[in-house]
Structure formats: C-alpha cells, structure tokens
Amino acid sequence: MALSPPDTFDAVSTVHPLLICEHCDTVHHRCPLAMGEVARCARCGAVLERCRGMRAGTMLAMLLTALVVFVQATLWPIVTLGLNGQHVHATLWNVVQIMWNDHSQVVAVLVAATLFVFPLIKILTLGWLLLYARNGRRAPGFRPLMVGLHHLGPWTMSEVFVLGALVSIVKAHLYFDVIPDPGIYAYGVLMLLITLFASIDLDRLWDETSDEDAGAAP
C-alpha cells in the first residue's frame, strides 16, 4: 500500500496527520491500515509504517511471557553430555565460565552480553514503555529509551545461539551421549517471541502515546 504525498500542507486535516519518510523526507497523509497492511513511500518505496495488529496491553502480556521463558532458558540446563556413564549438565553460565577459563574472555563476554545482558535490557525497557503505553501515556525517559531500543535490536542474538547449539548437538553426538535439556527448548520459544516482537512496528508508540501525565504512576 503506497501513500501519496499531499499537494499542500493546508490540505492536511487533523483526522489524517502527516507522515514523513525518514529516507527521502517526503510528506504523506497517514491513512488507517488494516491487519497486515504496510504503508510505503510513494517516492522511494521505503516502509513508512506497519499495522501492528495488537494493543499495548496484549504486547505487555506477551512480554511477561518472554521474561518468564528468558529466566527459564538462562537457569535451566541446555544439554546433558554423557561419557562412560558420567553425565554433565551444561547451562548458559557453565558455557560462559568454560570459555573464560579457557582464555577466551572476549568470546565469553560477547556470549554473556548477546544472550543475557542485551535481551534482558530489551525486555525490561520495552516492558517499562508498554506499562505506560497501555493507558496512552509516555513513560519517563520515553525518548532515550525508544532510541536505545532501536540500536539494541541487532545485538539480541538468541536465534543465532539456538541454531549454533543445534548444530553443535548434532556434531557432539558423534563423540558423546547428548541429551537436549529444557533450556534449549526454552531458548527456542524465546527465539520465536523475539522474532515476533521484531516484526512489530514499535515506532507507532510515538503516535499512540502522549506526554500528558508522563510522570504519573502507571
């Protein structure tokens, strides 16, 4: 769905506010979008906005689910390795500790950051914003937090970890008895939830919230 630029600024009504393309600065009339529709720039074809398809309250409920799954994925064992009757359970932090002790501190820090620190920050930040957005208000620190979420997105790499873990399990099965544990399944669910949130246009929070009573309790 492409939006056409207005002929003059006077023609814009309060019912259809302006929408500016961030790539070529073309000004458009914003039109209501149906489920699954995408608004594209009439000049350069860039995506202007998507129909989010769910309210802030629904997103907040999904985010709480993602937080529960995240805790489970972090604390539960990922795999169990068996050799000569002995079994070792490996959690995420076991993997990070082994890398650190094996003089791979840089890799250990990157693994901990991309699989724990950054996802946790993203979940908590988005939860804070949605807690206020469900009432149409902007949370304290809304602007810097939205900018931070935009830059943090590429650094949550749970899907890369899940794919790498599956490949490692297949290869390690040639040498050990490898049993997938609940942690790897929790990471799989977390990967799906993160992918779902990545498809949601969070930029619409700018338009659907206001600064009124921004400092009040949610």
Protein backbone atom coordinates (compact mmCIF):
# COMPACT_ATOMS: atom_id res chain seq x y z
CA MET A 1 0.00 0.00 0.00
CA ALA A 2 1.61 3.26 -1.12
CA LEU A 3 0.66 6.64 0.30
CA SER A 4 0.60 9.67 -1.97
CA PRO A 5 2.18 12.95 -0.86
CA PRO A 6 -0.21 15.83 -0.15
CA ASP A 7 -0.46 18.70 -2.63
CA THR A 8 -0.21 21.37 0.07
CA PHE A 9 0.25 21.47 3.81
CA ASP A 10 -3.12 23.25 4.21
CA ALA A 11 -4.89 20.20 2.84
CA VAL A 12 -3.88 18.09 5.84
CA SER A 13 -6.66 17.65 8.41
CA THR A 14 -6.43 16.61 11.99
CA VAL A 15 -8.06 13.29 11.09
CA HIS A 16 -5.16 12.32 8.82
CA PRO A 17 -1.91 13.66 10.32
CA LEU A 18 1.30 13.92 8.38
CA LEU A 19 3.73 11.06 7.97
CA ILE A 20 7.29 11.82 6.86
CA CYS A 21 9.54 9.29 5.14
CA GLU A 22 12.79 9.01 7.08
CA HIS A 23 14.71 8.13 3.90
CA CYS A 24 13.68 10.84 1.41
CA ASP A 25 11.70 13.27 3.64
CA THR A 26 8.56 13.02 1.51
CA VAL A 27 5.45 14.12 3.42
CA HIS A 28 2.37 11.88 3.25
CA HIS A 29 -1.13 11.74 4.65
CA ARG A 30 -1.43 8.95 7.20
CA CYS A 31 -4.25 6.54 6.34
CA PRO A 32 -5.74 3.81 8.56
CA LEU A 33 -4.14 0.44 7.89
CA ALA A 34 -5.89 -2.90 8.04
CA MET A 35 -4.35 -6.02 9.58
CA GLY A 36 -1.15 -6.95 7.74
CA GLU A 37 -1.04 -3.83 5.55
CA VAL A 38 2.15 -1.86 5.07
CA ALA A 39 2.38 1.82 4.12
CA ARG A 40 5.20 2.60 1.69
CA CYS A 41 6.63 5.87 0.49
CA ALA A 42 5.26 6.97 -2.88
CA ARG A 43 8.69 8.29 -3.90
CA CYS A 44 11.31 5.78 -2.71
CA GLY A 45 9.17 2.80 -1.68
CA ALA A 46 10.55 2.65 1.87
CA VAL A 47 8.33 1.27 4.61
CA LEU A 48 6.61 4.10 6.46
CA GLU A 49 4.66 2.05 8.99
CA ARG A 50 3.01 -1.31 9.50
CA CYS A 51 -0.26 -2.28 11.08
CA ARG A 52 0.81 -3.52 14.48
CA GLY A 53 -2.30 -5.62 14.93
CA MET A 54 -2.18 -5.77 18.73
CA ARG A 55 -2.67 -3.35 21.58
CA ALA A 56 -0.09 -2.34 24.16
CA GLY A 57 -1.80 -4.49 26.81
CA THR A 58 -1.53 -7.58 24.62
CA MET A 59 2.11 -6.82 23.89
CA LEU A 60 2.80 -6.39 27.60
CA ALA A 61 1.28 -9.81 28.35
CA MET A 62 3.46 -11.40 25.66
CA LEU A 63 6.48 -9.59 27.05
CA LEU A 64 5.85 -11.03 30.52
CA THR A 65 5.70 -14.46 28.90
CA ALA A 66 9.02 -13.76 27.20
CA LEU A 67 10.53 -12.73 30.57
CA VAL A 68 9.44 -15.99 32.20
CA VAL A 69 10.83 -18.03 29.30
CA PHE A 70 14.06 -15.98 29.41
CA VAL A 71 14.60 -16.82 33.08
CA GLN A 72 13.96 -20.49 32.39
CA ALA A 73 16.33 -20.53 29.41
CA THR A 74 19.06 -18.90 31.49
CA LEU A 75 18.79 -21.10 34.58
CA TRP A 76 17.81 -24.48 33.13
CA PRO A 77 20.45 -26.85 31.66
CA ILE A 78 20.83 -26.59 27.89
CA VAL A 79 22.27 -30.04 27.21
CA THR A 80 23.48 -33.10 29.12
CA LEU A 81 26.73 -34.68 27.94
CA GLY A 82 27.31 -38.34 28.79
CA LEU A 83 30.55 -40.32 28.50
CA ASN A 84 31.43 -43.66 30.13
CA GLY A 85 28.41 -43.50 32.39
CA GLN A 86 29.13 -39.96 33.63
CA HIS A 87 26.78 -37.11 32.82
CA VAL A 88 27.41 -33.37 32.92
CA HIS A 89 24.66 -30.75 32.73
CA ALA A 90 25.58 -27.55 30.91
CA THR A 91 23.80 -24.23 31.47
CA LEU A 92 24.47 -20.93 29.72
CA TRP A 93 26.65 -19.75 32.58
CA ASN A 94 28.62 -23.02 32.54
CA VAL A 95 29.44 -22.33 28.89
CA VAL A 96 30.49 -18.75 29.67
CA GLN A 97 32.66 -19.91 32.59
CA ILE A 98 34.36 -22.59 30.47
CA MET A 99 35.15 -20.00 27.78
CA TRP A 100 36.52 -17.60 30.39
CA ASN A 101 38.75 -20.26 31.98
CA ASP A 102 39.91 -21.35 28.52
CA HIS A 103 41.45 -17.88 27.92
CA SER A 104 38.60 -16.84 25.61
CA GLN A 105 37.48 -13.89 27.71
CA VAL A 106 36.40 -11.78 24.74
CA VAL A 107 34.14 -14.54 23.42
CA ALA A 108 32.78 -15.19 26.92
CA VAL A 109 31.86 -11.52 27.35
CA LEU A 110 30.19 -11.41 23.92
CA VAL A 111 28.17 -14.57 24.67
CA ALA A 112 27.04 -13.23 28.04
CA ALA A 113 26.16 -9.85 26.55
CA THR A 114 24.24 -11.05 23.49
CA LEU A 115 22.43 -13.93 25.21
CA PHE A 116 21.73 -12.44 28.64
CA VAL A 117 22.53 -8.75 29.19
CA PHE A 118 21.14 -7.24 25.97
CA PRO A 119 17.97 -9.39 25.81
CA LEU A 120 17.23 -8.66 29.49
CA ILE A 121 17.71 -4.92 28.97
CA LYS A 122 15.45 -5.02 25.91
CA ILE A 123 12.69 -6.93 27.73
CA LEU A 124 12.77 -4.67 30.79
CA THR A 125 12.92 -1.47 28.73
CA LEU A 126 10.07 -2.49 26.47
CA GLY A 127 8.04 -3.60 29.49
CA TRP A 128 8.53 -0.19 31.12
CA LEU A 129 7.36 1.59 27.97
CA LEU A 130 4.33 -0.66 27.44
CA LEU A 131 3.30 -0.36 31.08
CA TYR A 132 2.51 3.30 30.40
CA ALA A 133 1.57 2.93 26.72
CA ARG A 134 -1.42 0.73 27.55
CA ASN A 135 -3.01 3.89 29.00
CA GLY A 136 -1.90 6.07 26.09
CA ARG A 137 0.88 7.75 28.08
CA ARG A 138 4.63 8.01 27.63
CA ALA A 139 6.85 6.54 30.31
CA PRO A 140 9.55 8.68 31.96
CA GLY A 141 12.60 8.60 29.72
CA PHE A 142 10.46 7.61 26.70
CA ARG A 143 12.59 9.28 24.02
CA PRO A 144 16.07 7.98 25.01
CA LEU A 145 14.63 4.53 25.74
CA MET A 146 12.99 4.31 22.30
CA VAL A 147 16.25 5.35 20.66
CA GLY A 148 18.11 2.79 22.77
CA LEU A 149 15.72 0.02 21.72
CA HIS A 150 16.32 0.90 18.08
CA HIS A 151 20.10 0.48 18.46
CA LEU A 152 19.83 -2.56 20.74
CA GLY A 153 17.76 -4.67 18.35
CA PRO A 154 20.64 -6.18 16.29
CA TRP A 155 22.51 -7.24 19.45
CA THR A 156 19.96 -9.76 20.72
CA MET A 157 21.16 -12.97 19.09
CA SER A 158 19.18 -15.77 20.73
CA GLU A 159 18.26 -17.19 17.32
CA VAL A 160 21.95 -17.45 16.37
CA PHE A 161 22.65 -19.26 19.63
CA VAL A 162 19.80 -21.75 19.10
CA LEU A 163 20.95 -22.60 15.58
CA GLY A 164 24.57 -22.92 16.71
CA ALA A 165 23.54 -25.12 19.65
CA LEU A 166 21.54 -27.45 17.39
CA VAL A 167 24.50 -27.85 15.03
CA SER A 168 26.82 -28.49 17.99
CA ILE A 169 24.46 -31.11 19.42
CA VAL A 170 24.42 -32.99 16.12
CA LYS A 171 28.22 -32.92 15.84
CA ALA A 172 28.86 -33.74 19.52
CA HIS A 173 26.56 -36.76 19.24
CA LEU A 174 29.37 -38.49 17.34
CA TYR A 175 31.57 -38.43 20.47
CA PHE A 176 29.22 -38.12 23.46
CA ASP A 177 25.76 -39.09 24.54
CA VAL A 178 24.00 -35.76 24.03
CA ILE A 179 20.58 -35.17 25.55
CA PRO A 180 18.81 -31.84 24.87
CA ASP A 181 17.59 -30.32 28.13
CA PRO A 182 14.67 -27.96 28.78
CA GLY A 183 16.92 -24.92 28.49
CA ILE A 184 17.40 -25.36 24.74
CA TYR A 185 13.65 -25.65 24.23
CA ALA A 186 13.11 -22.52 26.31
CA TYR A 187 15.61 -20.69 24.10
CA GLY A 188 13.70 -21.92 21.05
CA VAL A 189 10.47 -20.42 22.41
CA LEU A 190 12.33 -17.23 23.32
CA MET A 191 13.67 -17.06 19.77
CA LEU A 192 10.13 -17.21 18.38
CA LEU A 193 8.93 -14.48 20.77
CA ILE A 194 11.87 -12.21 19.92
CA THR A 195 11.23 -12.75 16.21
CA LEU A 196 7.57 -11.86 16.75
CA PHE A 197 8.47 -8.65 18.56
CA ALA A 198 10.95 -7.79 15.81
CA SER A 199 8.07 -7.84 13.30
CA ILE A 200 6.04 -5.35 15.36
CA ASP A 201 6.36 -1.68 14.48
CA LEU A 202 7.26 -0.18 17.85
CA ASP A 203 7.66 3.26 16.25
CA ARG A 204 3.89 3.60 16.42
CA LEU A 205 4.26 4.14 20.16
CA TRP A 206 5.37 7.66 19.25
CA ASP A 207 1.96 8.35 17.71
CA GLU A 208 -0.20 6.36 20.13
CA THR A 209 1.12 7.94 23.33
CA SER A 210 1.30 11.48 24.64
CA ASP A 211 3.44 13.35 27.17
CA GLU A 212 0.45 14.12 29.37
CA ASP A 213 0.93 12.90 32.93
CA ALA A 214 4.18 11.22 31.87
CA GLY A 215 5.43 11.25 35.43
CA ALA A 216 2.34 9.70 36.96
CA ALA A 217 2.16 6.13 38.17
CA PRO A 218 1.23 3.53 35.51
